[in-house]
Amino acid sequence: MHIRPWLVYLVIAFLGVLPLLIALLAGAIANLAKCELDEGSVHPCVIAGKDVGNLLYAMGVGGWFTLMTLPAAFFLALIYSVYLLVSK
């Protein structure tokens, strides 16, 4: 079975931006729940009777991992490109 190169690049790109997407999701959830969300500290955020402030804070701060995952994804895509060129 031959894996399509565009699919590999798509997975690499998705993994590279995944922490950013999770942080954006945290921001959207906090916005919809009318809660405060920032990197400074955990703020209470009650959704459906449960405080999810710690979870939203962790998701939001996790966006900083993009500073590592994006360059790693770039180099992984570069390595995969070299592999494709050499294996032909």
N, C-alpha and C. Protein backbone atom coordinates (compact mmCIF):
# COMPACT_ATOMS: atom_id res chain seq x y z
N MET A 1 0.84 -1.18 0.00
CA MET A 1 0.00 0.00 0.00
C MET A 1 0.89 1.25 0.00
N HIS A 2 0.60 2.14 -0.88
CA HIS A 2 1.39 3.37 -1.00
C HIS A 2 0.64 4.52 -0.34
N ILE A 3 1.32 5.19 0.57
CA ILE A 3 0.71 6.34 1.25
C ILE A 3 0.89 7.57 0.38
N ARG A 4 -0.17 8.31 0.23
CA ARG A 4 -0.12 9.52 -0.59
C ARG A 4 0.66 10.62 0.14
N PRO A 5 1.64 11.22 -0.54
CA PRO A 5 2.48 12.25 0.11
C PRO A 5 1.68 13.42 0.65
N TRP A 6 0.65 13.86 -0.04
CA TRP A 6 -0.12 15.01 0.44
C TRP A 6 -0.79 14.69 1.76
N LEU A 7 -1.16 13.42 1.97
CA LEU A 7 -1.79 13.03 3.23
C LEU A 7 -0.77 13.08 4.38
N VAL A 8 0.46 12.67 4.11
CA VAL A 8 1.52 12.74 5.12
C VAL A 8 1.80 14.19 5.47
N TYR A 9 1.89 15.06 4.47
CA TYR A 9 2.11 16.48 4.73
C TYR A 9 0.95 17.08 5.53
N LEU A 10 -0.26 16.66 5.24
CA LEU A 10 -1.43 17.15 5.95
C LEU A 10 -1.38 16.75 7.43
N VAL A 11 -1.01 15.51 7.70
CA VAL A 11 -0.89 15.04 9.09
C VAL A 11 0.22 15.79 9.81
N ILE A 12 1.35 15.98 9.15
CA ILE A 12 2.46 16.72 9.76
C ILE A 12 2.03 18.15 10.09
N ALA A 13 1.36 18.81 9.16
CA ALA A 13 0.91 20.18 9.40
C ALA A 13 -0.11 20.23 10.53
N PHE A 14 -1.02 19.27 10.56
CA PHE A 14 -2.02 19.23 11.62
C PHE A 14 -1.37 19.07 12.99
N LEU A 15 -0.41 18.17 13.08
CA LEU A 15 0.29 17.97 14.35
C LEU A 15 1.09 19.21 14.75
N GLY A 16 1.59 19.93 13.77
CA GLY A 16 2.35 21.15 14.05
C GLY A 16 1.50 22.26 14.64
N VAL A 17 0.27 22.38 14.19
CA VAL A 17 -0.60 23.46 14.67
C VAL A 17 -1.61 23.00 15.72
N LEU A 18 -1.59 21.73 16.09
CA LEU A 18 -2.56 21.21 17.05
C LEU A 18 -2.58 21.97 18.38
N PRO A 19 -1.44 22.28 18.99
CA PRO A 19 -1.52 23.05 20.24
C PRO A 19 -2.19 24.41 20.06
N LEU A 20 -1.97 25.04 18.94
CA LEU A 20 -2.61 26.33 18.67
C LEU A 20 -4.12 26.15 18.52
N LEU A 21 -4.53 25.11 17.84
CA LEU A 21 -5.96 24.84 17.67
C LEU A 21 -6.64 24.58 19.02
N ILE A 22 -5.95 23.86 19.89
CA ILE A 22 -6.50 23.59 21.22
C ILE A 22 -6.62 24.88 22.02
N ALA A 23 -5.63 25.76 21.93
CA ALA A 23 -5.69 27.04 22.63
C ALA A 23 -6.82 27.91 22.08
N LEU A 24 -7.01 27.89 20.78
CA LEU A 24 -8.12 28.65 20.19
C LEU A 24 -9.47 28.09 20.61
N LEU A 25 -9.55 26.77 20.74
CA LEU A 25 -10.77 26.13 21.22
C LEU A 25 -11.06 26.56 22.65
N ALA A 26 -10.03 26.61 23.49
CA ALA A 26 -10.21 27.06 24.88
C ALA A 26 -10.73 28.50 24.91
N GLY A 27 -10.17 29.33 24.06
CA GLY A 27 -10.63 30.72 23.99
C GLY A 27 -12.08 30.83 23.54
N ALA A 28 -12.45 30.00 22.57
CA ALA A 28 -13.83 30.02 22.08
C ALA A 28 -14.81 29.54 23.16
N ILE A 29 -14.43 28.48 23.88
CA ILE A 29 -15.28 27.98 24.95
C ILE A 29 -15.43 29.01 26.05
N ALA A 30 -14.32 29.63 26.45
CA ALA A 30 -14.36 30.66 27.49
C ALA A 30 -15.21 31.84 27.04
N ASN A 31 -15.09 32.20 25.78
CA ASN A 31 -15.87 33.32 25.25
C ASN A 31 -17.37 33.00 25.27
N LEU A 32 -17.73 31.81 24.85
CA LEU A 32 -19.15 31.41 24.84
C LEU A 32 -19.71 31.33 26.25
N ALA A 33 -18.88 30.92 27.21
CA ALA A 33 -19.33 30.80 28.60
C ALA A 33 -19.19 32.12 29.36
N LYS A 34 -18.73 33.16 28.67
CA LYS A 34 -18.52 34.48 29.27
C LYS A 34 -17.55 34.40 30.46
N CYS A 35 -16.47 33.64 30.27
CA CYS A 35 -15.45 33.47 31.31
C CYS A 35 -14.18 34.20 30.91
N GLU A 36 -13.39 34.55 31.91
CA GLU A 36 -12.11 35.19 31.67
C GLU A 36 -11.06 34.10 31.46
N LEU A 37 -10.20 34.29 30.47
CA LEU A 37 -9.13 33.33 30.18
C LEU A 37 -7.88 34.10 29.80
N ASP A 38 -6.80 33.86 30.53
CA ASP A 38 -5.51 34.45 30.19
C ASP A 38 -4.40 33.55 30.72
N GLU A 39 -3.15 33.89 30.36
CA GLU A 39 -2.01 33.07 30.76
C GLU A 39 -1.54 33.37 32.18
N GLY A 40 -2.05 34.41 32.78
CA GLY A 40 -1.58 34.84 34.08
C GLY A 40 -1.98 33.94 35.23
N SER A 41 -3.23 33.51 35.24
CA SER A 41 -3.71 32.67 36.33
C SER A 41 -5.00 31.98 35.93
N VAL A 42 -5.38 31.02 36.76
CA VAL A 42 -6.63 30.29 36.53
C VAL A 42 -7.79 31.14 37.05
N HIS A 43 -8.83 31.23 36.24
CA HIS A 43 -10.04 31.94 36.65
C HIS A 43 -11.19 30.94 36.68
N PRO A 44 -12.08 31.07 37.65
CA PRO A 44 -13.20 30.13 37.69
C PRO A 44 -14.09 30.28 36.45
N CYS A 45 -14.55 29.16 35.95
CA CYS A 45 -15.44 29.15 34.79
C CYS A 45 -16.39 27.97 34.95
N VAL A 46 -17.62 28.27 35.30
CA VAL A 46 -18.59 27.22 35.55
C VAL A 46 -19.42 26.98 34.29
N ILE A 47 -19.35 25.75 33.81
CA ILE A 47 -20.14 25.32 32.66
C ILE A 47 -20.90 24.07 33.07
N ALA A 48 -22.21 24.11 32.96
CA ALA A 48 -23.08 22.99 33.32
C ALA A 48 -22.84 22.55 34.77
N GLY A 49 -22.62 23.50 35.65
CA GLY A 49 -22.44 23.21 37.06
C GLY A 49 -21.06 22.71 37.45
N LYS A 50 -20.12 22.70 36.53
CA LYS A 50 -18.77 22.22 36.83
C LYS A 50 -17.76 23.31 36.50
N ASP A 51 -16.80 23.50 37.40
CA ASP A 51 -15.75 24.50 37.17
C ASP A 51 -14.70 23.90 36.24
N VAL A 52 -14.58 24.48 35.05
CA VAL A 52 -13.60 24.02 34.06
C VAL A 52 -12.48 25.04 33.86
N GLY A 53 -12.31 25.91 34.83
CA GLY A 53 -11.28 26.94 34.73
C GLY A 53 -9.88 26.38 34.60
N ASN A 54 -9.57 25.33 35.39
CA ASN A 54 -8.24 24.72 35.31
C ASN A 54 -8.00 24.11 33.94
N LEU A 55 -9.00 23.43 33.41
CA LEU A 55 -8.87 22.80 32.09
C LEU A 55 -8.68 23.84 31.00
N LEU A 56 -9.48 24.89 31.03
CA LEU A 56 -9.35 25.94 30.02
C LEU A 56 -8.00 26.63 30.11
N TYR A 57 -7.52 26.84 31.34
CA TYR A 57 -6.20 27.44 31.52
C TYR A 57 -5.11 26.55 30.91
N ALA A 58 -5.18 25.25 31.21
CA ALA A 58 -4.19 24.32 30.66
C ALA A 58 -4.25 24.28 29.14
N MET A 59 -5.44 24.29 28.59
CA MET A 59 -5.59 24.29 27.14
C MET A 59 -5.04 25.58 26.54
N GLY A 60 -5.32 26.69 27.18
CA GLY A 60 -4.85 27.98 26.66
C GLY A 60 -3.35 28.13 26.71
N VAL A 61 -2.76 27.75 27.84
CA VAL A 61 -1.31 27.86 27.99
C VAL A 61 -0.61 26.84 27.09
N GLY A 62 -1.26 25.73 26.81
CA GLY A 62 -0.69 24.71 25.93
C GLY A 62 -0.44 25.22 24.52
N GLY A 63 -1.07 26.32 24.16
CA GLY A 63 -0.82 26.91 22.85
C GLY A 63 0.62 27.31 22.63
N TRP A 64 1.34 27.57 23.73
CA TRP A 64 2.75 27.93 23.62
C TRP A 64 3.60 26.78 23.09
N PHE A 65 3.10 25.55 23.17
CA PHE A 65 3.84 24.42 22.62
C PHE A 65 3.97 24.53 21.10
N THR A 66 3.16 25.38 20.49
CA THR A 66 3.26 25.60 19.05
C THR A 66 4.65 26.11 18.68
N LEU A 67 5.29 26.80 19.61
CA LEU A 67 6.65 27.28 19.35
C LEU A 67 7.63 26.13 19.16
N MET A 68 7.28 24.95 19.65
CA MET A 68 8.13 23.78 19.44
C MET A 68 7.59 22.88 18.33
N THR A 69 6.27 22.71 18.29
CA THR A 69 5.71 21.76 17.34
C THR A 69 5.75 22.27 15.90
N LEU A 70 5.62 23.56 15.70
CA LEU A 70 5.64 24.08 14.33
C LEU A 70 7.01 23.92 13.68
N PRO A 71 8.11 24.31 14.34
CA PRO A 71 9.42 24.04 13.74
C PRO A 71 9.70 22.55 13.58
N ALA A 72 9.25 21.75 14.55
CA ALA A 72 9.45 20.30 14.43
C ALA A 72 8.70 19.75 13.22
N ALA A 73 7.50 20.25 12.99
CA ALA A 73 6.73 19.81 11.82
C ALA A 73 7.41 20.24 10.53
N PHE A 74 7.99 21.44 10.52
CA PHE A 74 8.70 21.90 9.34
C PHE A 74 9.88 20.97 9.01
N PHE A 75 10.66 20.65 10.04
CA PHE A 75 11.81 19.77 9.80
C PHE A 75 11.38 18.36 9.45
N LEU A 76 10.29 17.89 10.02
CA LEU A 76 9.77 16.58 9.67
C LEU A 76 9.31 16.56 8.21
N ALA A 77 8.66 17.62 7.78
CA ALA A 77 8.25 17.71 6.38
C ALA A 77 9.46 17.78 5.45
N LEU A 78 10.50 18.48 5.89
CA LEU A 78 11.73 18.55 5.11
C LEU A 78 12.38 17.18 4.99
N ILE A 79 12.45 16.46 6.10
CA ILE A 79 13.01 15.11 6.08
C ILE A 79 12.18 14.19 5.19
N TYR A 80 10.87 14.30 5.27
CA TYR A 80 10.01 13.47 4.43
C TYR A 80 10.20 13.81 2.96
N SER A 81 10.39 15.09 2.65
CA SER A 81 10.62 15.50 1.27
C SER A 81 11.91 14.90 0.73
N VAL A 82 12.95 14.93 1.55
CA VAL A 82 14.22 14.31 1.13
C VAL A 82 14.03 12.81 0.93
N TYR A 83 13.29 12.18 1.82
CA TYR A 83 13.00 10.74 1.67
C TYR A 83 12.30 10.46 0.35
N LEU A 84 11.31 11.29 0.01
CA LEU A 84 10.58 11.10 -1.24
C LEU A 84 11.51 11.26 -2.45
N LEU A 85 12.40 12.24 -2.39
CA LEU A 85 13.30 12.47 -3.50
C LEU A 85 14.31 11.33 -3.66
N VAL A 86 14.81 10.80 -2.56
CA VAL A 86 15.81 9.74 -2.59
C VAL A 86 15.20 8.40 -2.97
N SER A 87 13.96 8.16 -2.55
CA SER A 87 13.35 6.85 -2.79
C SER A 87 12.80 6.69 -4.19
N LYS A 88 12.78 7.70 -4.99
CA LYS A 88 12.26 7.59 -6.37
C LYS A 88 13.28 7.01 -7.31
